[in-house]
């Protein structure tokens, strides 16, 4: 797992307002990339959408500003919104801090929207969700 994603996991799984909803320790329902098929809800899924790197005349600056998407899933729309609000309050606007050993220069909520998933035959569970896209500025290794 990339350092930033590990740092984000550390931040989310270490925030009691979030773990009160998705569990903590080994039962924490925060997943990279894909929601497991039989995952208990509510749950969080995070993934990297893009990862631009800042360059200077002398080469790479080490400053990166990836766009990270965090999806919150729950059995109801209200529960998904409540979880998304906890995440927004926890990380949006963060500046000059450290998450799991990674220096975060800034974390900015760029966009959010609603999600809904269900099976075509309606026999499987229905998932309500909220998508949040964050831009997270941080320093990465250049050598």
N, C-alpha and C. Protein backbone atom coordinates (compact mmCIF):
# COMPACT_ATOMS: atom_id res chain seq x y z
N UNK A 1 0.85 -1.17 0.00
CA UNK A 1 0.00 0.00 0.00
C UNK A 1 0.90 1.24 0.00
N UNK A 2 0.55 2.21 -0.79
CA UNK A 2 1.32 3.46 -0.85
C UNK A 2 1.29 4.16 0.49
N UNK A 3 2.32 4.96 0.74
CA UNK A 3 2.43 5.63 2.03
C UNK A 3 1.23 6.53 2.33
N UNK A 4 0.76 7.31 1.34
CA UNK A 4 -0.36 8.20 1.61
C UNK A 4 -1.62 7.41 1.96
N UNK A 5 -1.90 6.36 1.22
CA UNK A 5 -3.08 5.56 1.51
C UNK A 5 -3.00 4.92 2.90
N UNK A 6 -1.81 4.45 3.28
CA UNK A 6 -1.62 3.89 4.62
C UNK A 6 -1.83 4.97 5.68
N UNK A 7 -1.34 6.18 5.40
CA UNK A 7 -1.52 7.29 6.33
C UNK A 7 -2.99 7.67 6.45
N UNK A 8 -3.71 7.68 5.34
CA UNK A 8 -5.15 7.97 5.38
C UNK A 8 -5.89 6.91 6.19
N UNK A 9 -5.55 5.65 5.97
CA UNK A 9 -6.17 4.58 6.75
C UNK A 9 -5.91 4.79 8.24
N UNK A 10 -4.66 5.12 8.59
CA UNK A 10 -4.31 5.38 9.98
C UNK A 10 -5.15 6.51 10.56
N UNK A 11 -5.31 7.59 9.79
CA UNK A 11 -6.09 8.73 10.26
C UNK A 11 -7.56 8.35 10.47
N UNK A 12 -8.16 7.69 9.48
CA UNK A 12 -9.57 7.33 9.58
C UNK A 12 -9.81 6.30 10.69
N UNK A 13 -8.95 5.28 10.76
CA UNK A 13 -9.14 4.22 11.75
C UNK A 13 -8.73 4.65 13.15
N UNK A 14 -8.10 5.82 13.26
CA UNK A 14 -7.72 6.34 14.56
C UNK A 14 -8.61 7.47 15.06
N UNK A 15 -9.68 7.74 14.33
CA UNK A 15 -10.61 8.81 14.69
C UNK A 15 -11.86 8.19 15.31
N UNK A 16 -12.06 8.42 16.59
CA UNK A 16 -13.15 7.73 17.30
C UNK A 16 -14.54 8.05 16.74
N UNK A 17 -14.76 9.26 16.23
CA UNK A 17 -16.06 9.59 15.66
C UNK A 17 -16.37 8.70 14.45
N UNK A 18 -15.32 8.25 13.77
CA UNK A 18 -15.48 7.36 12.61
C UNK A 18 -15.55 5.90 13.06
N UNK A 19 -14.63 5.50 13.94
CA UNK A 19 -14.62 4.09 14.38
C UNK A 19 -15.82 3.74 15.25
N UNK A 20 -16.46 4.73 15.83
CA UNK A 20 -17.71 4.46 16.54
C UNK A 20 -18.77 3.93 15.58
N UNK A 21 -18.62 4.26 14.29
CA UNK A 21 -19.59 3.84 13.27
C UNK A 21 -19.12 2.60 12.52
N UNK A 22 -17.83 2.54 12.14
CA UNK A 22 -17.33 1.44 11.29
C UNK A 22 -16.49 0.41 12.04
N UNK A 23 -16.41 0.53 13.35
CA UNK A 23 -15.63 -0.42 14.13
C UNK A 23 -14.17 -0.03 14.20
N UNK A 24 -13.46 -0.68 15.09
CA UNK A 24 -12.05 -0.38 15.27
C UNK A 24 -11.25 -1.67 15.33
N UNK A 25 -9.94 -1.52 15.41
CA UNK A 25 -9.00 -2.62 15.51
C UNK A 25 -9.15 -3.57 14.31
N UNK A 26 -9.16 -4.86 14.54
CA UNK A 26 -9.21 -5.82 13.43
C UNK A 26 -10.58 -5.87 12.76
N UNK A 27 -11.61 -5.36 13.41
CA UNK A 27 -12.94 -5.36 12.82
C UNK A 27 -13.29 -4.08 12.09
N UNK A 28 -12.31 -3.24 11.86
CA UNK A 28 -12.55 -1.94 11.21
C UNK A 28 -12.99 -2.15 9.76
N UNK A 29 -14.08 -1.51 9.38
CA UNK A 29 -14.63 -1.68 8.03
C UNK A 29 -14.23 -0.50 7.13
N UNK A 30 -12.92 -0.36 6.95
CA UNK A 30 -12.34 0.64 6.04
C UNK A 30 -11.49 -0.13 5.05
N UNK A 31 -11.84 -0.04 3.76
CA UNK A 31 -11.23 -0.90 2.75
C UNK A 31 -10.60 -0.09 1.61
N UNK A 32 -9.47 -0.58 1.07
CA UNK A 32 -8.92 0.04 -0.14
C UNK A 32 -9.64 -0.47 -1.39
N UNK A 33 -9.96 0.40 -2.29
CA UNK A 33 -10.44 0.12 -3.64
C UNK A 33 -11.84 -0.48 -3.80
N UNK A 34 -12.17 -1.55 -3.07
CA UNK A 34 -13.43 -2.26 -3.34
C UNK A 34 -14.10 -2.65 -2.02
N UNK A 35 -15.40 -2.51 -1.98
CA UNK A 35 -16.18 -2.98 -0.84
C UNK A 35 -16.33 -4.49 -0.97
N UNK A 36 -15.87 -5.27 0.01
CA UNK A 36 -16.06 -6.72 -0.09
C UNK A 36 -17.54 -7.06 -0.24
N UNK A 37 -17.82 -8.12 -0.97
CA UNK A 37 -19.19 -8.47 -1.31
C UNK A 37 -20.09 -8.63 -0.09
N UNK A 38 -19.61 -9.25 0.95
CA UNK A 38 -20.44 -9.50 2.12
C UNK A 38 -20.04 -8.62 3.31
N UNK A 39 -19.52 -7.43 3.03
CA UNK A 39 -19.08 -6.54 4.10
C UNK A 39 -20.25 -6.08 4.95
N UNK A 40 -20.00 -5.99 6.24
CA UNK A 40 -20.98 -5.43 7.16
C UNK A 40 -21.03 -3.92 6.94
N UNK A 41 -22.21 -3.36 7.02
CA UNK A 41 -22.37 -1.91 6.84
C UNK A 41 -22.63 -1.25 8.19
N UNK A 42 -22.34 0.01 8.31
CA UNK A 42 -21.71 0.91 7.36
C UNK A 42 -20.22 0.59 7.17
N UNK A 43 -19.68 1.06 6.04
CA UNK A 43 -18.29 0.81 5.68
C UNK A 43 -17.76 1.96 4.83
N UNK A 44 -16.44 2.02 4.76
CA UNK A 44 -15.74 3.05 3.98
C UNK A 44 -14.84 2.36 2.96
N UNK A 45 -14.80 2.91 1.75
CA UNK A 45 -13.87 2.46 0.72
C UNK A 45 -13.13 3.70 0.21
N UNK A 46 -11.80 3.59 0.08
CA UNK A 46 -11.00 4.71 -0.41
C UNK A 46 -10.14 4.25 -1.59
N UNK A 47 -9.90 5.15 -2.53
CA UNK A 47 -9.00 4.85 -3.64
C UNK A 47 -8.45 6.13 -4.25
N UNK A 48 -7.31 5.98 -4.89
CA UNK A 48 -6.63 7.09 -5.55
C UNK A 48 -7.21 7.27 -6.95
N UNK A 49 -7.68 8.47 -7.24
CA UNK A 49 -8.23 8.78 -8.55
C UNK A 49 -7.15 9.28 -9.50
N UNK A 50 -6.27 10.13 -8.97
CA UNK A 50 -5.15 10.65 -9.76
C UNK A 50 -4.02 11.02 -8.81
N UNK A 51 -2.85 11.27 -9.35
CA UNK A 51 -1.71 11.58 -8.48
C UNK A 51 -0.70 12.52 -9.09
N UNK A 52 -1.10 13.75 -9.43
CA UNK A 52 -0.14 14.68 -10.03
C UNK A 52 1.00 15.02 -9.08
N UNK A 53 2.19 15.22 -9.67
CA UNK A 53 3.37 15.59 -8.91
C UNK A 53 3.88 16.93 -9.43
N UNK A 54 4.28 17.78 -8.48
CA UNK A 54 4.80 19.09 -8.83
C UNK A 54 6.26 19.00 -9.23
N UNK A 55 6.59 19.63 -10.35
CA UNK A 55 7.98 19.66 -10.80
C UNK A 55 8.51 21.08 -10.74
N UNK A 56 9.81 21.17 -10.54
CA UNK A 56 10.49 22.45 -10.57
C UNK A 56 11.59 22.36 -11.61
N UNK A 57 12.24 23.46 -11.92
CA UNK A 57 13.27 23.46 -12.96
C UNK A 57 14.35 22.41 -12.71
N UNK A 58 14.66 22.14 -11.46
CA UNK A 58 15.71 21.17 -11.12
C UNK A 58 15.22 19.73 -11.09
N UNK A 59 13.96 19.48 -11.36
CA UNK A 59 13.42 18.12 -11.34
C UNK A 59 12.19 18.02 -10.44
N UNK A 60 12.05 16.87 -9.83
CA UNK A 60 10.88 16.63 -8.98
C UNK A 60 11.02 17.38 -7.66
N UNK A 61 9.93 17.99 -7.23
CA UNK A 61 9.94 18.75 -5.97
C UNK A 61 9.64 17.86 -4.77
N UNK A 62 9.01 16.71 -5.02
CA UNK A 62 8.59 15.84 -3.93
C UNK A 62 7.18 16.14 -3.45
N UNK A 63 6.60 17.24 -3.94
CA UNK A 63 5.24 17.61 -3.54
C UNK A 63 4.25 16.94 -4.49
N UNK A 64 3.29 16.25 -3.91
CA UNK A 64 2.27 15.56 -4.69
C UNK A 64 0.89 15.97 -4.19
N UNK A 65 -0.07 15.99 -5.10
CA UNK A 65 -1.44 16.37 -4.73
C UNK A 65 -2.46 15.39 -5.30
N UNK A 66 -2.43 14.14 -4.84
CA UNK A 66 -3.37 13.17 -5.39
C UNK A 66 -4.82 13.48 -5.01
N UNK A 67 -5.69 13.04 -5.88
CA UNK A 67 -7.13 13.10 -5.61
C UNK A 67 -7.53 11.74 -5.08
N UNK A 68 -8.03 11.73 -3.86
CA UNK A 68 -8.42 10.49 -3.19
C UNK A 68 -9.94 10.50 -3.02
N UNK A 69 -10.58 9.43 -3.48
CA UNK A 69 -12.03 9.31 -3.32
C UNK A 69 -12.33 8.43 -2.12
N UNK A 70 -13.23 8.91 -1.28
CA UNK A 70 -13.68 8.14 -0.12
C UNK A 70 -15.19 7.94 -0.28
N UNK A 71 -15.59 6.68 -0.34
CA UNK A 71 -17.01 6.35 -0.46
C UNK A 71 -17.50 5.77 0.86
N UNK A 72 -18.61 6.28 1.33
CA UNK A 72 -19.24 5.79 2.56
C UNK A 72 -20.50 5.03 2.16
N UNK A 73 -20.62 3.79 2.61
CA UNK A 73 -21.78 2.96 2.30
C UNK A 73 -22.53 2.59 3.57
N UNK A 74 -23.85 2.55 3.48
CA UNK A 74 -24.69 2.16 4.61
C UNK A 74 -26.01 1.61 4.09
N UNK A 75 -26.79 1.06 4.98
CA UNK A 75 -28.09 0.51 4.60
C UNK A 75 -29.12 1.60 4.34
N UNK A 76 -28.89 2.80 4.88
CA UNK A 76 -29.80 3.92 4.64
C UNK A 76 -29.02 5.14 4.19
N UNK A 77 -29.71 6.01 3.49
CA UNK A 77 -29.10 7.25 3.02
C UNK A 77 -28.64 8.11 4.20
N UNK A 78 -29.47 8.21 5.24
CA UNK A 78 -29.12 9.03 6.40
C UNK A 78 -27.86 8.53 7.09
N UNK A 79 -27.69 7.22 7.18
CA UNK A 79 -26.50 6.66 7.82
C UNK A 79 -25.25 6.92 6.97
N UNK A 80 -25.38 6.83 5.65
CA UNK A 80 -24.25 7.12 4.76
C UNK A 80 -23.84 8.59 4.87
N UNK A 81 -24.84 9.48 4.90
CA UNK A 81 -24.56 10.92 5.05
C UNK A 81 -23.90 11.22 6.39
N UNK A 82 -24.36 10.59 7.46
CA UNK A 82 -23.79 10.82 8.79
C UNK A 82 -22.32 10.40 8.82
N UNK A 83 -22.00 9.26 8.23
CA UNK A 83 -20.61 8.80 8.19
C UNK A 83 -19.75 9.74 7.35
N UNK A 84 -20.26 10.17 6.20
CA UNK A 84 -19.51 11.10 5.35
C UNK A 84 -19.24 12.41 6.08
N UNK A 85 -20.20 12.88 6.85
CA UNK A 85 -20.00 14.10 7.63
C UNK A 85 -18.88 13.94 8.65
N UNK A 86 -18.79 12.78 9.29
CA UNK A 86 -17.72 12.53 10.26
C UNK A 86 -16.36 12.57 9.57
N UNK A 87 -16.27 12.00 8.37
CA UNK A 87 -15.01 12.04 7.63
C UNK A 87 -14.67 13.46 7.23
N UNK A 88 -15.64 14.19 6.69
CA UNK A 88 -15.40 15.58 6.28
C UNK A 88 -14.91 16.41 7.46
N UNK A 89 -15.57 16.30 8.59
CA UNK A 89 -15.18 17.07 9.76
C UNK A 89 -13.78 16.68 10.22
N UNK A 90 -13.43 15.41 10.08
CA UNK A 90 -12.14 14.91 10.56
C UNK A 90 -10.96 15.35 9.70
N UNK A 91 -11.14 15.41 8.35
CA UNK A 91 -9.96 15.66 7.51
C UNK A 91 -10.02 16.90 6.63
N UNK A 92 -11.20 17.40 6.29
CA UNK A 92 -11.29 18.55 5.40
C UNK A 92 -10.69 19.79 6.07
N UNK A 93 -9.84 20.47 5.35
CA UNK A 93 -9.22 21.68 5.88
C UNK A 93 -7.98 21.43 6.71
N UNK A 94 -7.59 20.17 6.82
CA UNK A 94 -6.38 19.84 7.57
C UNK A 94 -5.17 20.48 6.90
N UNK A 95 -4.31 21.10 7.69
CA UNK A 95 -3.06 21.67 7.17
C UNK A 95 -1.91 21.37 8.11
N UNK A 96 -0.76 21.20 7.51
CA UNK A 96 0.50 21.02 8.26
C UNK A 96 0.35 20.08 9.46
N UNK A 97 0.07 18.83 9.17
CA UNK A 97 -0.12 17.83 10.22
C UNK A 97 0.53 16.52 9.79
N UNK A 98 0.46 15.53 10.63
CA UNK A 98 1.02 14.22 10.33
C UNK A 98 -0.05 13.16 10.54
N UNK A 99 -0.19 12.28 9.55
CA UNK A 99 -1.07 11.12 9.65
C UNK A 99 -0.19 9.88 9.53
N UNK A 100 -0.09 9.08 10.55
CA UNK A 100 0.67 7.84 10.47
C UNK A 100 2.08 8.02 9.95
N UNK A 101 2.74 9.09 10.35
CA UNK A 101 4.11 9.34 9.94
C UNK A 101 4.26 10.09 8.62
N UNK A 102 3.18 10.32 7.92
CA UNK A 102 3.22 11.03 6.63
C UNK A 102 2.85 12.50 6.87
N UNK A 103 3.69 13.41 6.36
CA UNK A 103 3.42 14.84 6.51
C UNK A 103 2.37 15.27 5.50
N UNK A 104 1.28 15.81 6.00
CA UNK A 104 0.18 16.30 5.16
C UNK A 104 0.25 17.82 5.16
N UNK A 105 0.42 18.39 3.98
CA UNK A 105 0.46 19.85 3.85
C UNK A 105 -0.94 20.44 3.88
N UNK A 106 -1.87 19.78 3.18
CA UNK A 106 -3.26 20.25 3.14
C UNK A 106 -4.17 19.14 2.64
N UNK A 107 -5.40 19.15 3.13
CA UNK A 107 -6.42 18.22 2.67
C UNK A 107 -7.68 19.03 2.41
N UNK A 108 -8.17 18.97 1.17
CA UNK A 108 -9.27 19.83 0.76
C UNK A 108 -10.37 18.98 0.11
N UNK A 109 -11.59 19.12 0.58
CA UNK A 109 -12.72 18.45 -0.06
C UNK A 109 -13.04 19.19 -1.36
N UNK A 110 -12.91 18.49 -2.49
CA UNK A 110 -13.15 19.10 -3.79
C UNK A 110 -14.58 18.94 -4.27
N UNK A 111 -15.16 17.78 -3.96
CA UNK A 111 -16.47 17.46 -4.53
C UNK A 111 -17.09 16.34 -3.71
N UNK A 112 -18.41 16.26 -3.72
CA UNK A 112 -19.09 15.13 -3.11
C UNK A 112 -20.39 14.88 -3.86
N UNK A 113 -20.93 13.71 -3.66
CA UNK A 113 -22.18 13.36 -4.34
C UNK A 113 -22.73 12.07 -3.77
N UNK A 114 -23.95 11.74 -4.16
CA UNK A 114 -24.62 10.56 -3.66
C UNK A 114 -24.37 9.36 -4.56
N UNK A 115 -24.43 8.18 -3.95
CA UNK A 115 -24.28 6.91 -4.65
C UNK A 115 -25.45 6.01 -4.29
N UNK A 116 -25.81 5.12 -5.19
CA UNK A 116 -26.81 4.12 -4.88
C UNK A 116 -26.52 2.90 -5.73
N UNK A 117 -26.49 1.74 -5.10
CA UNK A 117 -26.23 0.51 -5.83
C UNK A 117 -27.24 -0.55 -5.39
N UNK A 118 -27.73 -1.30 -6.36
CA UNK A 118 -28.58 -2.45 -6.05
C UNK A 118 -28.44 -3.45 -7.18
N UNK A 119 -28.83 -4.69 -6.90
CA UNK A 119 -28.77 -5.71 -7.94
C UNK A 119 -29.93 -5.49 -8.91
N UNK A 120 -29.75 -6.00 -10.12
CA UNK A 120 -30.79 -5.82 -11.14
C UNK A 120 -32.10 -6.49 -10.74
N UNK A 121 -32.01 -7.64 -10.09
CA UNK A 121 -33.24 -8.35 -9.73
C UNK A 121 -33.76 -7.96 -8.34
N UNK A 122 -33.08 -7.04 -7.68
CA UNK A 122 -33.49 -6.51 -6.38
C UNK A 122 -33.49 -7.55 -5.26
N UNK A 123 -32.81 -8.70 -5.47
CA UNK A 123 -32.77 -9.72 -4.42
C UNK A 123 -31.62 -9.46 -3.44
N UNK A 124 -30.60 -8.76 -3.87
CA UNK A 124 -29.47 -8.46 -2.98
C UNK A 124 -29.73 -7.15 -2.25
N UNK A 125 -28.92 -6.91 -1.26
CA UNK A 125 -29.09 -5.68 -0.48
C UNK A 125 -28.87 -4.45 -1.34
N UNK A 126 -29.46 -3.38 -0.92
CA UNK A 126 -29.29 -2.09 -1.58
C UNK A 126 -28.31 -1.27 -0.77
N UNK A 127 -27.43 -0.57 -1.46
CA UNK A 127 -26.41 0.23 -0.79
C UNK A 127 -26.63 1.70 -1.07
N UNK A 128 -26.76 2.47 -0.03
CA UNK A 128 -26.78 3.92 -0.15
C UNK A 128 -25.38 4.40 0.13
N UNK A 129 -24.97 5.45 -0.56
CA UNK A 129 -23.61 5.92 -0.34
C UNK A 129 -23.43 7.39 -0.61
N UNK A 130 -22.29 7.86 -0.16
CA UNK A 130 -21.86 9.23 -0.41
C UNK A 130 -20.41 9.16 -0.87
N UNK A 131 -20.12 9.85 -1.97
CA UNK A 131 -18.78 9.92 -2.53
C UNK A 131 -18.18 11.27 -2.17
N UNK A 132 -16.94 11.25 -1.67
CA UNK A 132 -16.22 12.49 -1.39
C UNK A 132 -14.86 12.43 -2.07
N UNK A 133 -14.51 13.48 -2.80
CA UNK A 133 -13.21 13.56 -3.45
C UNK A 133 -12.36 14.61 -2.74
N UNK A 134 -11.22 14.16 -2.22
CA UNK A 134 -10.30 15.05 -1.51
C UNK A 134 -9.01 15.20 -2.30
N UNK A 135 -8.46 16.39 -2.28
CA UNK A 135 -7.11 16.62 -2.78
C UNK A 135 -6.22 16.69 -1.55
N UNK A 136 -5.21 15.82 -1.51
CA UNK A 136 -4.34 15.74 -0.34
C UNK A 136 -2.91 16.06 -0.75
N UNK A 137 -2.43 17.23 -0.35
CA UNK A 137 -1.07 17.66 -0.65
C UNK A 137 -0.13 17.07 0.40
N UNK A 138 0.94 16.44 -0.09
CA UNK A 138 1.91 15.85 0.83
C UNK A 138 3.26 15.71 0.15
N UNK A 139 4.28 15.52 0.96
CA UNK A 139 5.64 15.30 0.45
C UNK A 139 5.85 13.81 0.27
N UNK A 140 6.48 13.43 -0.85
CA UNK A 140 6.81 12.01 -1.06
C UNK A 140 8.29 11.89 -1.34
N UNK A 141 8.81 10.70 -1.19
CA UNK A 141 10.22 10.47 -1.45
C UNK A 141 10.54 10.72 -2.91
N UNK A 142 11.67 11.33 -3.19
CA UNK A 142 12.07 11.61 -4.58
C UNK A 142 13.28 10.79 -5.00
N UNK A 143 13.82 10.00 -4.10
CA UNK A 143 14.97 9.16 -4.48
C UNK A 143 14.85 7.78 -3.88
